[in-house]
N, C-alpha and C. Protein backbone atom coordinates (compact mmCIF):
# COMPACT_ATOMS: atom_id res chain seq x y z
N MET A 1 -7.70 10.32 2.28
CA MET A 1 -6.78 9.36 2.38
C MET A 1 -5.39 10.36 2.13
N ARG A 2 -5.51 11.17 1.08
CA ARG A 2 -4.43 11.80 0.86
C ARG A 2 -4.14 12.50 2.14
N SER A 3 -4.54 13.53 2.90
CA SER A 3 -4.32 13.88 4.14
C SER A 3 -3.52 12.94 5.28
N PHE A 4 -4.10 11.67 5.15
CA PHE A 4 -3.16 10.97 6.27
C PHE A 4 -1.86 10.55 5.68
N LEU A 5 -2.12 9.94 4.31
CA LEU A 5 -0.59 9.75 3.72
C LEU A 5 0.55 10.66 3.90
N HIS A 6 -0.49 11.81 3.59
CA HIS A 6 0.76 12.95 3.94
C HIS A 6 0.93 12.89 5.21
N THR A 7 0.36 12.97 6.12
CA THR A 7 0.69 13.41 7.46
C THR A 7 1.98 11.86 7.88
N LEU A 8 1.63 10.93 7.64
CA LEU A 8 2.60 10.20 7.66
C LEU A 8 3.78 10.48 7.19
N LEU A 9 3.88 10.98 6.07
CA LEU A 9 4.94 11.79 5.56
C LEU A 9 6.06 12.45 6.52
N GLU A 10 5.32 13.35 6.99
CA GLU A 10 5.63 14.23 8.29
C GLU A 10 5.97 13.41 9.48
N LEU A 11 5.25 12.56 9.85
CA LEU A 11 5.95 11.81 11.05
C LEU A 11 6.95 10.78 11.39
N GLU A 12 7.62 10.85 12.39
CA GLU A 12 8.79 9.52 12.60
C GLU A 12 8.14 8.68 14.16
N PRO A 13 8.28 7.51 14.06
CA PRO A 13 8.72 7.06 12.77
C PRO A 13 7.62 6.88 11.58
N LYS A 14 8.11 6.39 10.68
CA LYS A 14 7.39 5.88 9.30
C LYS A 14 6.82 4.52 9.71
N PRO A 15 5.74 4.15 9.06
CA PRO A 15 5.31 2.72 9.15
C PRO A 15 6.13 1.64 8.42
N ASP A 16 6.51 0.41 8.94
CA ASP A 16 7.43 -0.38 8.03
C ASP A 16 6.51 -0.58 6.65
N LEU A 17 5.11 -0.85 6.55
CA LEU A 17 4.59 -1.65 5.66
C LEU A 17 3.26 -0.80 5.50
N ILE A 18 2.40 -0.74 4.23
CA ILE A 18 1.48 -0.51 3.90
C ILE A 18 0.92 -1.21 2.94
N ILE A 19 0.01 -1.84 3.41
CA ILE A 19 -0.77 -3.12 2.72
C ILE A 19 -2.27 -2.63 2.05
N CYS A 20 -2.11 -2.96 0.82
CA CYS A 20 -3.79 -2.53 -0.01
C CYS A 20 -4.26 -3.17 -0.42
N VAL A 21 -5.46 -3.86 0.38
CA VAL A 21 -6.29 -4.93 -0.30
C VAL A 21 -7.98 -4.46 -0.74
N ASN A 22 -8.51 -5.35 -1.06
CA ASN A 22 -10.10 -4.86 -1.94
C ASN A 22 -9.80 -3.87 -2.77
N ALA A 23 -10.94 -2.98 -2.48
CA ALA A 23 -10.47 -1.70 -3.30
C ALA A 23 -9.56 -0.67 -3.16
N GLY A 24 -8.68 -0.78 -1.82
CA GLY A 24 -7.45 -0.16 -1.64
C GLY A 24 -6.49 -0.28 -2.57
N VAL A 25 -6.58 -1.31 -3.21
CA VAL A 25 -5.45 -1.67 -4.81
C VAL A 25 -5.84 -0.63 -5.20
N LYS A 26 -7.08 0.29 -5.44
CA LYS A 26 -7.05 1.16 -6.76
C LYS A 26 -5.93 2.28 -6.32
N LEU A 27 -5.46 2.81 -4.99
CA LEU A 27 -4.35 3.55 -4.73
C LEU A 27 -3.32 3.66 -5.14
N VAL A 28 -2.80 2.34 -5.47
CA VAL A 28 -1.43 2.13 -6.18
C VAL A 28 -1.06 2.20 -7.66
N VAL A 29 -2.36 2.22 -8.27
CA VAL A 29 -2.30 2.26 -10.03
C VAL A 29 -2.14 3.67 -10.39
N GLN A 30 -1.72 3.57 -11.83
CA GLN A 30 -1.88 4.76 -12.65
C GLN A 30 -2.72 5.67 -12.45
N GLY A 31 -3.04 6.96 -12.22
CA GLY A 31 -4.04 7.59 -11.97
C GLY A 31 -4.83 7.82 -10.74
N SER A 32 -3.60 6.74 -9.80
CA SER A 32 -4.46 7.14 -8.40
C SER A 32 -3.82 8.83 -7.98
N PRO A 33 -4.97 9.37 -7.39
CA PRO A 33 -4.88 10.59 -6.49
C PRO A 33 -3.79 10.78 -5.77
N VAL A 34 -3.20 9.31 -4.84
CA VAL A 34 -2.32 9.91 -3.98
C VAL A 34 -0.90 9.27 -4.18
N LEU A 35 -0.76 9.00 -5.47
CA LEU A 35 0.57 8.26 -5.96
C LEU A 35 1.63 8.78 -5.53
N GLU A 36 1.91 10.26 -5.31
CA GLU A 36 2.97 11.03 -5.16
C GLU A 36 3.22 10.85 -3.34
N GLU A 37 2.20 10.63 -2.73
CA GLU A 37 2.45 10.42 -1.06
C GLU A 37 2.84 9.07 -1.09
N LEU A 38 2.50 7.99 -1.87
CA LEU A 38 2.61 6.82 -1.84
C LEU A 38 4.25 6.35 -2.34
N ARG A 39 4.70 7.38 -3.62
CA ARG A 39 5.83 7.17 -4.06
C ARG A 39 6.90 8.02 -2.80
N SER A 40 6.32 8.87 -2.32
CA SER A 40 7.33 9.58 -1.68
C SER A 40 7.56 8.50 -0.07
N LEU A 41 6.70 7.97 0.26
CA LEU A 41 6.40 6.79 1.54
C LEU A 41 7.50 5.87 1.06
N ALA A 42 7.61 5.13 -0.08
CA ALA A 42 7.96 4.22 -0.83
C ALA A 42 9.83 4.73 -0.76
N GLU A 43 9.59 6.17 -0.92
CA GLU A 43 11.30 6.48 -0.86
C GLU A 43 12.15 6.41 0.06
N CYS A 44 11.08 6.75 1.28
CA CYS A 44 11.51 6.72 3.13
C CYS A 44 11.76 5.68 3.30
N GLY A 45 11.41 4.58 2.19
CA GLY A 45 11.73 3.08 2.78
C GLY A 45 10.49 2.30 3.45
N VAL A 46 9.30 2.92 3.35
CA VAL A 46 8.11 2.14 3.42
C VAL A 46 7.94 1.26 2.47
N GLU A 47 7.42 -0.16 2.93
CA GLU A 47 7.19 -1.25 2.10
C GLU A 47 5.68 -1.15 1.54
N ILE A 48 5.60 -1.18 0.20
CA ILE A 48 3.92 -1.33 0.25
C ILE A 48 3.80 -2.51 -0.78
N LEU A 49 2.67 -2.83 -0.25
CA LEU A 49 2.24 -3.98 -0.83
C LEU A 49 0.75 -4.36 -1.62
N ALA A 50 0.49 -4.63 -2.71
CA ALA A 50 -1.25 -4.49 -3.12
C ALA A 50 -1.43 -6.29 -3.22
N CYS A 51 -2.58 -6.43 -2.89
CA CYS A 51 -3.07 -7.66 -3.13
C CYS A 51 -3.25 -8.02 -4.65
N GLY A 52 -2.68 -9.00 -5.39
CA GLY A 52 -2.89 -9.41 -6.65
C GLY A 52 -4.02 -9.92 -6.72
N THR A 53 -4.67 -10.66 -5.99
CA THR A 53 -5.97 -11.26 -6.56
C THR A 53 -7.02 -9.96 -6.63
N CYS A 54 -6.87 -8.99 -5.82
CA CYS A 54 -7.57 -7.81 -5.78
C CYS A 54 -7.68 -7.25 -7.08
N LEU A 55 -5.91 -7.07 -7.43
CA LEU A 55 -5.99 -6.26 -8.70
C LEU A 55 -5.87 -6.95 -9.54
N ASP A 56 -5.91 -8.18 -9.89
CA ASP A 56 -6.84 -9.09 -10.75
C ASP A 56 -8.32 -8.70 -10.98
N TYR A 57 -8.92 -9.12 -9.70
CA TYR A 57 -10.38 -8.60 -9.89
C TYR A 57 -10.87 -6.95 -10.19
N PHE A 58 -10.40 -6.27 -9.88
CA PHE A 58 -10.47 -5.06 -10.70
C PHE A 58 -9.70 -4.66 -12.10
N GLY A 59 -9.21 -5.55 -12.52
CA GLY A 59 -8.48 -5.43 -14.06
C GLY A 59 -7.14 -4.60 -13.79
N LEU A 60 -6.76 -4.33 -12.62
CA LEU A 60 -5.78 -3.29 -12.59
C LEU A 60 -4.24 -3.69 -12.66
N LYS A 61 -3.97 -5.23 -12.29
CA LYS A 61 -2.78 -5.76 -12.28
C LYS A 61 -1.71 -4.86 -13.03
N ASP A 62 -1.78 -4.72 -14.29
CA ASP A 62 -0.70 -4.48 -15.24
C ASP A 62 -0.92 -2.59 -15.22
N LYS A 63 -1.46 -2.18 -14.21
CA LYS A 63 -1.49 -0.83 -13.97
C LYS A 63 -0.75 -0.35 -12.61
N VAL A 64 -0.43 -1.07 -11.93
CA VAL A 64 0.50 -0.69 -10.69
C VAL A 64 1.64 -0.05 -10.90
N ALA A 65 1.32 1.26 -9.98
CA ALA A 65 2.83 2.26 -10.46
C ALA A 65 3.42 2.51 -8.98
N VAL A 66 3.15 2.06 -8.20
CA VAL A 66 3.88 2.06 -6.96
C VAL A 66 3.76 0.58 -6.13
N GLY A 67 4.72 0.37 -5.43
CA GLY A 67 4.83 -0.89 -4.29
C GLY A 67 5.14 -2.42 -5.44
N ALA A 68 4.66 -3.16 -4.75
CA ALA A 68 4.90 -4.64 -5.11
C ALA A 68 3.81 -5.30 -4.66
N VAL A 69 3.57 -6.43 -6.15
CA VAL A 69 2.23 -6.88 -6.19
C VAL A 69 2.24 -8.53 -5.05
N SER A 70 1.50 -8.44 -4.41
CA SER A 70 1.87 -9.39 -3.19
C SER A 70 0.69 -10.71 -3.52
N ASN A 71 0.67 -11.56 -2.39
CA ASN A 71 -0.55 -12.65 -2.75
C ASN A 71 -1.03 -12.76 -0.78
N MET A 72 -1.93 -13.44 -0.73
CA MET A 72 -2.83 -13.25 0.20
C MET A 72 -1.96 -14.07 1.47
N TYR A 73 -1.18 -15.21 1.46
CA TYR A 73 0.14 -15.79 2.30
C TYR A 73 0.66 -14.63 2.60
N THR A 74 1.48 -14.12 1.79
CA THR A 74 2.28 -13.13 2.37
C THR A 74 1.58 -12.16 3.27
N ILE A 75 0.76 -11.51 2.66
CA ILE A 75 -0.17 -10.51 3.26
C ILE A 75 -0.48 -10.66 4.80
N ALA A 76 -1.13 -12.10 4.85
CA ALA A 76 -1.50 -13.03 5.81
C ALA A 76 -0.15 -13.08 6.70
N GLU A 77 0.59 -13.47 6.21
CA GLU A 77 2.22 -13.75 7.16
C GLU A 77 2.12 -12.10 7.78
N ARG A 78 2.39 -11.33 6.95
CA ARG A 78 3.30 -9.99 7.47
C ARG A 78 2.15 -9.27 8.64
N LEU A 79 0.68 -9.54 8.26
CA LEU A 79 0.02 -8.94 9.37
C LEU A 79 -0.09 -9.51 10.51
N LEU A 80 0.08 -11.29 10.67
CA LEU A 80 0.29 -12.01 11.69
C LEU A 80 1.98 -11.57 12.56
N ALA A 81 2.56 -11.20 11.85
CA ALA A 81 3.91 -10.89 12.66
C ALA A 81 3.84 -9.45 12.99
N ALA A 82 3.25 -8.42 12.43
CA ALA A 82 3.27 -7.39 12.97
C ALA A 82 2.96 -7.23 14.28
N GLY A 83 3.45 -5.75 15.20
CA GLY A 83 2.97 -5.64 16.44
C GLY A 83 2.15 -4.79 16.54
N VAL A 84 2.10 -3.83 15.32
CA VAL A 84 0.66 -3.11 15.76
C VAL A 84 0.31 -3.07 14.12
N VAL A 85 -1.33 -3.03 14.05
CA VAL A 85 -1.69 -3.01 12.89
C VAL A 85 -3.18 -1.88 13.00
N VAL A 86 -2.88 -1.07 11.83
CA VAL A 86 -4.03 -0.06 11.94
C VAL A 86 -4.67 -0.07 10.34
N ARG A 87 -5.77 -0.07 10.68
CA ARG A 87 -7.00 -0.46 9.68
C ARG A 87 -7.44 0.75 9.49
N LEU A 88 -7.52 1.18 8.13
CA LEU A 88 -8.70 2.13 7.87
C LEU A 88 -9.43 1.67 6.42
């Protein structure tokens, strides 16, 4: 994952949005091994959303270090409006 995110930093165009759901929300919290890459992407204008329900499930909602906590309605809305969706 670190290699993928680092590569995104070097490419143009950058993605508009990164959405983290399920166990993927562990990437946006304190102690994540990819926080530096995600913070750099956010500084480049990439929006980062994390599923609030998923964060609650893992007990991590108070440990979010990058991006915004979102809900499934907004996540589904953004996915349906996207021209291209890449899933990892």
